[in-house]
Amino acid sequence: MSELAEARRQMVASQIRPADVTDRRLQDAMLAIPRERFLPRSMAGSAYADMEIDLGEGRRFMRPRDFAKLVQALGVKPGELVLDLACARGYSTAILSRLCETVIGIESNESFASKAEGALSDIGADNAVIVTGDIKKGAPEQGPFDVILVNGAVELVPDAWLSQLADDGRLGVIVRENGVGRARVYTRKSGVVGSRVVFDSMTSLLPGFEREPEFSL
């Protein structure tokens, strides 16, 4: 077993399973997908560290524990259509491709999107598509979606995302409220959207998703 493969096994054993991530399909996906292929070569040694990874331009890979807990909370099923927002270099898209029927990754950074396409092709993820576009707008022409995952924290959830949920659809995102980050799962049922908190997380804010300052006279 290579050094990186052993690090991947240790990530699942010491970070993912102890965080109450019991979904075996998700565990297997994280054991199978080489995270280092979705990073610059200079960062391969940090691929399985228990931390966020700075990709530059204000973007980061989520901490493996937080990513896995959020994906598990969404309960992705084999026949579902998934939207992966702010997918960066495509690691999250690769994991989701093992859990659903089709996953569409949306990435605003053209360089990241190109790298994601190449890495997904290399691992044979033929049910995954990367689209370069506005993360805030999502992919309305491709929806509605059974699951939407957001790779990063926001201070305000755009209505556009919620409107793209199918009936019984779920959206998972870290919402920063008064400086505290909480993973929330939003669900749509008969046109009504509700939400619940699933865990706390200090995942970094996505650039451009800060709440507008409120001014008072």
C-alpha atoms as a PDB file:
ATOM      1  CA  MET A   1       0.000   0.000   0.000  1.00  0.00           C
ATOM      2  CA  SER A   2       1.364   3.414  -0.977  1.00  0.00           C
ATOM      3  CA  GLU A   3       1.960   6.139   1.594  1.00  0.00           C
ATOM      4  CA  LEU A   4      -0.967   8.198   0.285  1.00  0.00           C
ATOM      5  CA  ALA A   5      -3.289   5.190   0.178  1.00  0.00           C
ATOM      6  CA  GLU A   6      -2.439   4.486   3.816  1.00  0.00           C
ATOM      7  CA  ALA A   7      -3.073   8.143   4.670  1.00  0.00           C
ATOM      8  CA  ARG A   8      -6.468   7.848   2.988  1.00  0.00           C
ATOM      9  CA  ARG A   9      -7.300   4.763   5.035  1.00  0.00           C
ATOM     10  CA  GLN A  10      -6.208   6.537   8.204  1.00  0.00           C
ATOM     11  CA  MET A  11      -8.356   9.569   7.330  1.00  0.00           C
ATOM     12  CA  VAL A  12     -11.458   7.395   7.230  1.00  0.00           C
ATOM     13  CA  ALA A  13     -10.470   5.435  10.326  1.00  0.00           C
ATOM     14  CA  SER A  14      -9.447   8.373  12.526  1.00  0.00           C
ATOM     15  CA  GLN A  15     -11.456  11.343  11.215  1.00  0.00           C
ATOM     16  CA  ILE A  16     -14.572  10.065   9.458  1.00  0.00           C
ATOM     17  CA  ARG A  17     -15.795   7.070  11.451  1.00  0.00           C
ATOM     18  CA  PRO A  18     -15.227   8.678  14.896  1.00  0.00           C
ATOM     19  CA  ALA A  19     -17.377  11.620  13.726  1.00  0.00           C
ATOM     20  CA  ASP A  20     -20.419   9.302  13.596  1.00  0.00           C
ATOM     21  CA  VAL A  21     -20.269   8.988   9.819  1.00  0.00           C
ATOM     22  CA  THR A  22     -21.693   5.457   9.609  1.00  0.00           C
ATOM     23  CA  ASP A  23     -22.859   5.429   5.970  1.00  0.00           C
ATOM     24  CA  ARG A  24     -20.841   2.578   4.467  1.00  0.00           C
ATOM     25  CA  ARG A  25     -21.359   3.768   0.886  1.00  0.00           C
ATOM     26  CA  LEU A  26     -19.888   7.143   1.826  1.00  0.00           C
ATOM     27  CA  GLN A  27     -17.017   5.553   3.729  1.00  0.00           C
ATOM     28  CA  ASP A  28     -16.259   3.321   0.743  1.00  0.00           C
ATOM     29  CA  ALA A  29     -16.314   6.300  -1.619  1.00  0.00           C
ATOM     30  CA  MET A  30     -13.856   8.216   0.562  1.00  0.00           C
ATOM     31  CA  LEU A  31     -11.619   5.147   0.729  1.00  0.00           C
ATOM     32  CA  ALA A  32     -11.716   4.726  -3.045  1.00  0.00           C
ATOM     33  CA  ILE A  33     -11.300   8.297  -4.317  1.00  0.00           C
ATOM     34  CA  PRO A  34      -7.684   9.580  -4.285  1.00  0.00           C
ATOM     35  CA  ARG A  35      -8.121  13.063  -2.817  1.00  0.00           C
ATOM     36  CA  GLU A  36      -4.610  14.053  -3.855  1.00  0.00           C
ATOM     37  CA  ARG A  37      -5.599  13.902  -7.538  1.00  0.00           C
ATOM     38  CA  PHE A  38      -7.894  16.865  -6.938  1.00  0.00           C
ATOM     39  CA  LEU A  39      -5.140  19.034  -5.492  1.00  0.00           C
ATOM     40  CA  PRO A  40      -2.009  20.653  -6.941  1.00  0.00           C
ATOM     41  CA  ARG A  41       0.891  18.203  -6.757  1.00  0.00           C
ATOM     42  CA  SER A  42       2.643  20.441  -4.232  1.00  0.00           C
ATOM     43  CA  MET A  43      -0.277  19.899  -1.823  1.00  0.00           C
ATOM     44  CA  ALA A  44      -0.564  16.121  -2.145  1.00  0.00           C
ATOM     45  CA  GLY A  45       1.093  15.615   1.227  1.00  0.00           C
ATOM     46  CA  SER A  46      -1.726  17.544   2.931  1.00  0.00           C
ATOM     47  CA  ALA A  47      -4.559  15.721   1.130  1.00  0.00           C
ATOM     48  CA  TYR A  48      -5.676  13.716   4.166  1.00  0.00           C
ATOM     49  CA  ALA A  49      -4.927  16.184   6.963  1.00  0.00           C
ATOM     50  CA  ASP A  50      -7.639  17.032   9.488  1.00  0.00           C
ATOM     51  CA  MET A  51      -8.014  20.615   8.262  1.00  0.00           C
ATOM     52  CA  GLU A  52      -9.265  22.816   5.473  1.00  0.00           C
ATOM     53  CA  ILE A  53      -6.887  23.072   2.520  1.00  0.00           C
ATOM     54  CA  ASP A  54      -6.295  26.514   1.013  1.00  0.00           C
ATOM     55  CA  LEU A  55      -6.595  26.354  -2.779  1.00  0.00           C
ATOM     56  CA  GLY A  56      -5.973  30.061  -3.274  1.00  0.00           C
ATOM     57  CA  GLU A  57      -8.308  32.831  -4.443  1.00  0.00           C
ATOM     58  CA  GLY A  58     -10.257  32.557  -1.199  1.00  0.00           C
ATOM     59  CA  ARG A  59     -11.300  28.960  -1.829  1.00  0.00           C
ATOM     60  CA  ARG A  60     -10.710  25.921   0.368  1.00  0.00           C
ATOM     61  CA  PHE A  61     -11.381  22.209   0.492  1.00  0.00           C
ATOM     62  CA  MET A  62     -13.641  21.546   3.448  1.00  0.00           C
ATOM     63  CA  ARG A  63     -12.273  19.641   6.424  1.00  0.00           C
ATOM     64  CA  PRO A  64     -12.874  15.922   5.631  1.00  0.00           C
ATOM     65  CA  ARG A  65     -14.929  15.403   8.795  1.00  0.00           C
ATOM     66  CA  ASP A  66     -17.284  18.308   8.066  1.00  0.00           C
ATOM     67  CA  PHE A  67     -17.663  17.347   4.415  1.00  0.00           C
ATOM     68  CA  ALA A  68     -18.510  13.739   5.279  1.00  0.00           C
ATOM     69  CA  LYS A  69     -20.997  14.693   8.010  1.00  0.00           C
ATOM     70  CA  LEU A  70     -22.787  17.089   5.662  1.00  0.00           C
ATOM     71  CA  VAL A  71     -22.985  14.545   2.841  1.00  0.00           C
ATOM     72  CA  GLN A  72     -24.286  11.876   5.231  1.00  0.00           C
ATOM     73  CA  ALA A  73     -26.959  14.267   6.538  1.00  0.00           C
ATOM     74  CA  LEU A  74     -28.252  14.654   2.968  1.00  0.00           C
ATOM     75  CA  GLY A  75     -28.876  10.908   2.616  1.00  0.00           C
ATOM     76  CA  VAL A  76     -27.933  10.714  -1.074  1.00  0.00           C
ATOM     77  CA  LYS A  77     -29.628   7.768  -2.836  1.00  0.00           C
ATOM     78  CA  PRO A  78     -28.441   5.817  -5.914  1.00  0.00           C
ATOM     79  CA  GLY A  79     -31.144   7.082  -8.299  1.00  0.00           C
ATOM     80  CA  GLU A  80     -30.918  10.775  -7.438  1.00  0.00           C
ATOM     81  CA  LEU A  81     -29.843  13.891  -9.343  1.00  0.00           C
ATOM     82  CA  VAL A  82     -27.364  15.985  -7.348  1.00  0.00           C
ATOM     83  CA  LEU A  83     -26.082  19.552  -7.722  1.00  0.00           C
ATOM     84  CA  ASP A  84     -22.617  20.190  -6.278  1.00  0.00           C
ATOM     85  CA  LEU A  85     -22.114  23.934  -5.779  1.00  0.00           C
ATOM     86  CA  ALA A  86     -18.654  25.526  -5.498  1.00  0.00           C
ATOM     87  CA  CYS A  87     -17.107  22.173  -6.395  1.00  0.00           C
ATOM     88  CA  ALA A  88     -13.635  23.745  -6.878  1.00  0.00           C
ATOM     89  CA  ARG A  89     -11.289  21.073  -8.277  1.00  0.00           C
ATOM     90  CA  GLY A  90     -13.933  18.343  -8.171  1.00  0.00           C
ATOM     91  CA  TYR A  91     -13.239  16.143  -5.133  1.00  0.00           C
ATOM     92  CA  SER A  92     -16.745  16.582  -3.733  1.00  0.00           C
ATOM     93  CA  THR A  93     -18.185  15.830  -7.176  1.00  0.00           C
ATOM     94  CA  ALA A  94     -16.154  12.622  -7.337  1.00  0.00           C
ATOM     95  CA  ILE A  95     -17.451  11.435  -3.968  1.00  0.00           C
ATOM     96  CA  LEU A  96     -21.045  12.260  -4.874  1.00  0.00           C
ATOM     97  CA  SER A  97     -20.679  10.424  -8.187  1.00  0.00           C
ATOM     98  CA  ARG A  98     -20.281   7.211  -6.183  1.00  0.00           C
ATOM     99  CA  LEU A  99     -23.546   7.823  -4.317  1.00  0.00           C
ATOM    100  CA  CYS A 100     -26.043   9.079  -6.919  1.00  0.00           C
ATOM    101  CA  GLU A 101     -27.149   8.591 -10.515  1.00  0.00           C
ATOM    102  CA  THR A 102     -25.883  11.920 -11.884  1.00  0.00           C
ATOM    103  CA  VAL A 103     -24.024  14.838 -10.314  1.00  0.00           C
ATOM    104  CA  ILE A 104     -23.529  18.295 -11.810  1.00  0.00           C
ATOM    105  CA  GLY A 105     -20.719  20.393 -10.356  1.00  0.00           C
ATOM    106  CA  ILE A 106     -20.948  24.181 -10.629  1.00  0.00           C
ATOM    107  CA  GLU A 107     -17.718  26.160 -10.382  1.00  0.00           C
ATOM    108  CA  SER A 108     -17.170  29.864 -11.107  1.00  0.00           C
ATOM    109  CA  ASN A 109     -13.375  29.614 -11.375  1.00  0.00           C
ATOM    110  CA  GLU A 110     -12.524  28.468 -14.914  1.00  0.00           C
ATOM    111  CA  SER A 111      -9.127  27.092 -13.897  1.00  0.00           C
ATOM    112  CA  PHE A 112     -10.605  25.038 -11.061  1.00  0.00           C
ATOM    113  CA  ALA A 113     -13.384  23.782 -13.351  1.00  0.00           C
ATOM    114  CA  SER A 114     -10.860  22.656 -15.960  1.00  0.00           C
ATOM    115  CA  LYS A 115      -8.815  20.803 -13.330  1.00  0.00           C
ATOM    116  CA  ALA A 116     -11.993  19.173 -12.009  1.00  0.00           C
ATOM    117  CA  GLU A 117     -12.954  17.930 -15.475  1.00  0.00           C
ATOM    118  CA  GLY A 118      -9.528  16.382 -15.973  1.00  0.00           C
ATOM    119  CA  ALA A 119      -9.409  14.684 -12.577  1.00  0.00           C
ATOM    120  CA  LEU A 120     -12.928  13.272 -12.912  1.00  0.00           C
ATOM    121  CA  SER A 121     -12.061  11.907 -16.348  1.00  0.00           C
ATOM    122  CA  ASP A 122      -8.905  10.304 -14.930  1.00  0.00           C
ATOM    123  CA  ILE A 123     -10.873   8.343 -12.316  1.00  0.00           C
ATOM    124  CA  GLY A 124     -13.650   7.365 -14.738  1.00  0.00           C
ATOM    125  CA  ALA A 125     -16.479   9.331 -13.109  1.00  0.00           C
ATOM    126  CA  ASP A 126     -18.644   9.269 -16.231  1.00  0.00           C
ATOM    127  CA  ASN A 127     -21.834  10.247 -14.381  1.00  0.00           C
ATOM    128  CA  ALA A 128     -20.318  13.590 -13.301  1.00  0.00           C
ATOM    129  CA  VAL A 129     -20.413  16.850 -15.270  1.00  0.00           C
ATOM    130  CA  ILE A 130     -18.658  20.125 -14.462  1.00  0.00           C
ATOM    131  CA  VAL A 131     -20.224  23.420 -15.549  1.00  0.00           C
ATOM    132  CA  THR A 132     -18.472  26.780 -15.282  1.00  0.00           C
ATOM    133  CA  GLY A 133     -21.059  29.237 -14.028  1.00  0.00           C
ATOM    134  CA  ASP A 134     -22.391  31.491 -11.301  1.00  0.00           C
ATOM    135  CA  ILE A 135     -22.557  29.552  -8.032  1.00  0.00           C
ATOM    136  CA  LYS A 136     -25.290  31.832  -6.683  1.00  0.00           C
ATOM    137  CA  LYS A 137     -27.567  30.998  -9.615  1.00  0.00           C
ATOM    138  CA  GLY A 138     -27.093  27.226  -9.409  1.00  0.00           C
ATOM    139  CA  ALA A 139     -28.290  25.336 -12.492  1.00  0.00           C
ATOM    140  CA  PRO A 140     -32.019  26.021 -12.928  1.00  0.00           C
ATOM    141  CA  GLU A 141     -32.082  24.619 -16.458  1.00  0.00           C
ATOM    142  CA  GLN A 142     -30.816  21.246 -15.190  1.00  0.00           C
ATOM    143  CA  GLY A 143     -33.074  20.869 -12.144  1.00  0.00           C
ATOM    144  CA  PRO A 144     -35.028  20.282 -10.073  1.00  0.00           C
ATOM    145  CA  PHE A 145     -32.510  18.441  -7.931  1.00  0.00           C
ATOM    146  CA  ASP A 146     -32.998  15.763  -5.310  1.00  0.00           C
ATOM    147  CA  VAL A 147     -29.896  16.954  -3.444  1.00  0.00           C
ATOM    148  CA  ILE A 148     -27.858  20.169  -3.459  1.00  0.00           C
ATOM    149  CA  LEU A 149     -24.506  20.329  -1.641  1.00  0.00           C
ATOM    150  CA  VAL A 150     -22.646  23.597  -0.998  1.00  0.00           C
ATOM    151  CA  ASN A 151     -18.881  23.373  -0.467  1.00  0.00           C
ATOM    152  CA  GLY A 152     -18.329  26.217   1.955  1.00  0.00           C
ATOM    153  CA  ALA A 153     -20.131  28.486   4.367  1.00  0.00           C
ATOM    154  CA  VAL A 154     -22.532  31.304   3.535  1.00  0.00           C
ATOM    155  CA  GLU A 155     -24.182  34.013   5.588  1.00  0.00           C
ATOM    156  CA  LEU A 156     -27.315  34.018   3.455  1.00  0.00           C
ATOM    157  CA  VAL A 157     -28.811  31.123   1.454  1.00  0.00           C
ATOM    158  CA  PRO A 158     -29.906  32.339  -2.019  1.00  0.00           C
ATOM    159  CA  ASP A 159     -33.567  31.750  -2.852  1.00  0.00           C
ATOM    160  CA  ALA A 160     -32.394  30.439  -6.228  1.00  0.00           C
ATOM    161  CA  TRP A 161     -30.917  27.362  -4.552  1.00  0.00           C
ATOM    162  CA  LEU A 162     -34.060  26.538  -2.625  1.00  0.00           C
ATOM    163  CA  SER A 163     -36.224  26.996  -5.712  1.00  0.00           C
ATOM    164  CA  GLN A 164     -34.200  24.307  -7.509  1.00  0.00           C
ATOM    165  CA  LEU A 165     -35.044  21.598  -4.973  1.00  0.00           C
ATOM    166  CA  ALA A 166     -37.404  18.840  -6.113  1.00  0.00           C
ATOM    167  CA  ASP A 167     -40.216  17.746  -3.814  1.00  0.00           C
ATOM    168  CA  ASP A 168     -38.545  15.886  -0.925  1.00  0.00           C
ATOM    169  CA  GLY A 169     -35.263  17.497  -2.043  1.00  0.00           C
ATOM    170  CA  ARG A 170     -32.512  18.382   0.440  1.00  0.00           C
ATOM    171  CA  LEU A 171     -29.948  21.191   0.452  1.00  0.00           C
ATOM    172  CA  GLY A 172     -26.916  21.002   2.732  1.00  0.00           C
ATOM    173  CA  VAL A 173     -24.849  24.085   3.563  1.00  0.00           C
ATOM    174  CA  ILE A 174     -22.892  25.629   6.432  1.00  0.00           C
ATOM    175  CA  VAL A 175     -24.657  28.825   7.468  1.00  0.00           C
ATOM    176  CA  ARG A 176     -22.685  31.439   9.444  1.00  0.00           C
ATOM    177  CA  GLU A 177     -24.967  33.131  11.953  1.00  0.00           C
ATOM    178  CA  ASN A 178     -23.556  35.777  14.317  1.00  0.00           C
ATOM    179  CA  GLY A 179     -20.080  34.371  13.792  1.00  0.00           C
ATOM    180  CA  VAL A 180     -21.117  30.769  14.496  1.00  0.00           C
ATOM    181  CA  GLY A 181     -21.197  28.219  11.679  1.00  0.00           C
ATOM    182  CA  ARG A 182     -23.933  25.596  11.671  1.00  0.00           C
ATOM    183  CA  ALA A 183     -24.533  22.875   9.110  1.00  0.00           C
ATOM    184  CA  ARG A 184     -28.138  23.089   8.002  1.00  0.00           C
ATOM    185  CA  VAL A 185     -30.216  20.765   5.868  1.00  0.00           C
ATOM    186  CA  TYR A 186     -33.095  22.472   4.060  1.00  0.00           C
ATOM    187  CA  THR A 187     -35.930  20.293   2.774  1.00  0.00           C
ATOM    188  CA  ARG A 188     -38.763  21.000   0.367  1.00  0.00           C
ATOM    189  CA  LYS A 189     -42.064  19.227   0.987  1.00  0.00           C
ATOM    190  CA  SER A 190     -45.217  20.105  -0.985  1.00  0.00           C
ATOM    191  CA  GLY A 191     -43.714  23.473  -1.836  1.00  0.00           C
ATOM    192  CA  VAL A 192     -42.831  24.333   1.766  1.00  0.00           C
ATOM    193  CA  VAL A 193     -39.173  24.682   2.788  1.00  0.00           C
ATOM    194  CA  GLY A 194     -37.995  23.879   6.299  1.00  0.00           C
ATOM    195  CA  SER A 195     -34.549  23.449   7.842  1.00  0.00           C
ATOM    196  CA  ARG A 196     -32.762  21.779  10.714  1.00  0.00           C
ATOM    197  CA  VAL A 197     -29.302  22.132  12.256  1.00  0.00           C
ATOM    198  CA  VAL A 198     -27.200  18.959  12.100  1.00  0.00           C
ATOM    199  CA  PHE A 199     -23.841  20.027  13.581  1.00  0.00           C
ATOM    200  CA  ASP A 200     -21.594  23.027  14.255  1.00  0.00           C
ATOM    201  CA  SER A 201     -18.759  23.861  11.866  1.00  0.00           C
ATOM    202  CA  MET A 202     -16.267  26.686  11.389  1.00  0.00           C
ATOM    203  CA  THR A 203     -15.960  26.063   7.647  1.00  0.00           C
ATOM    204  CA  SER A 204     -14.655  29.144   5.829  1.00  0.00           C
ATOM    205  CA  LEU A 205     -17.015  31.524   4.050  1.00  0.00           C
ATOM    206  CA  LEU A 206     -17.274  31.320   0.284  1.00  0.00           C
ATOM    207  CA  PRO A 207     -16.138  34.600  -1.302  1.00  0.00           C
ATOM    208  CA  GLY A 208     -19.125  36.717  -2.244  1.00  0.00           C
ATOM    209  CA  PHE A 209     -21.523  35.032   0.159  1.00  0.00           C
ATOM    210  CA  GLU A 210     -21.195  37.524   2.998  1.00  0.00           C
ATOM    211  CA  ARG A 211     -24.371  39.218   4.187  1.00  0.00           C
ATOM    212  CA  GLU A 212     -24.720  42.823   3.023  1.00  0.00           C
ATOM    213  CA  PRO A 213     -24.045  45.301   5.859  1.00  0.00           C
ATOM    214  CA  GLU A 214     -27.175  46.749   7.382  1.00  0.00           C
ATOM    215  CA  PHE A 215     -27.213  50.482   7.911  1.00  0.00           C
ATOM    216  CA  SER A 216     -29.462  52.364  10.292  1.00  0.00           C
ATOM    217  CA  LEU A 217     -30.022  56.075  10.670  1.00  0.00           C
END
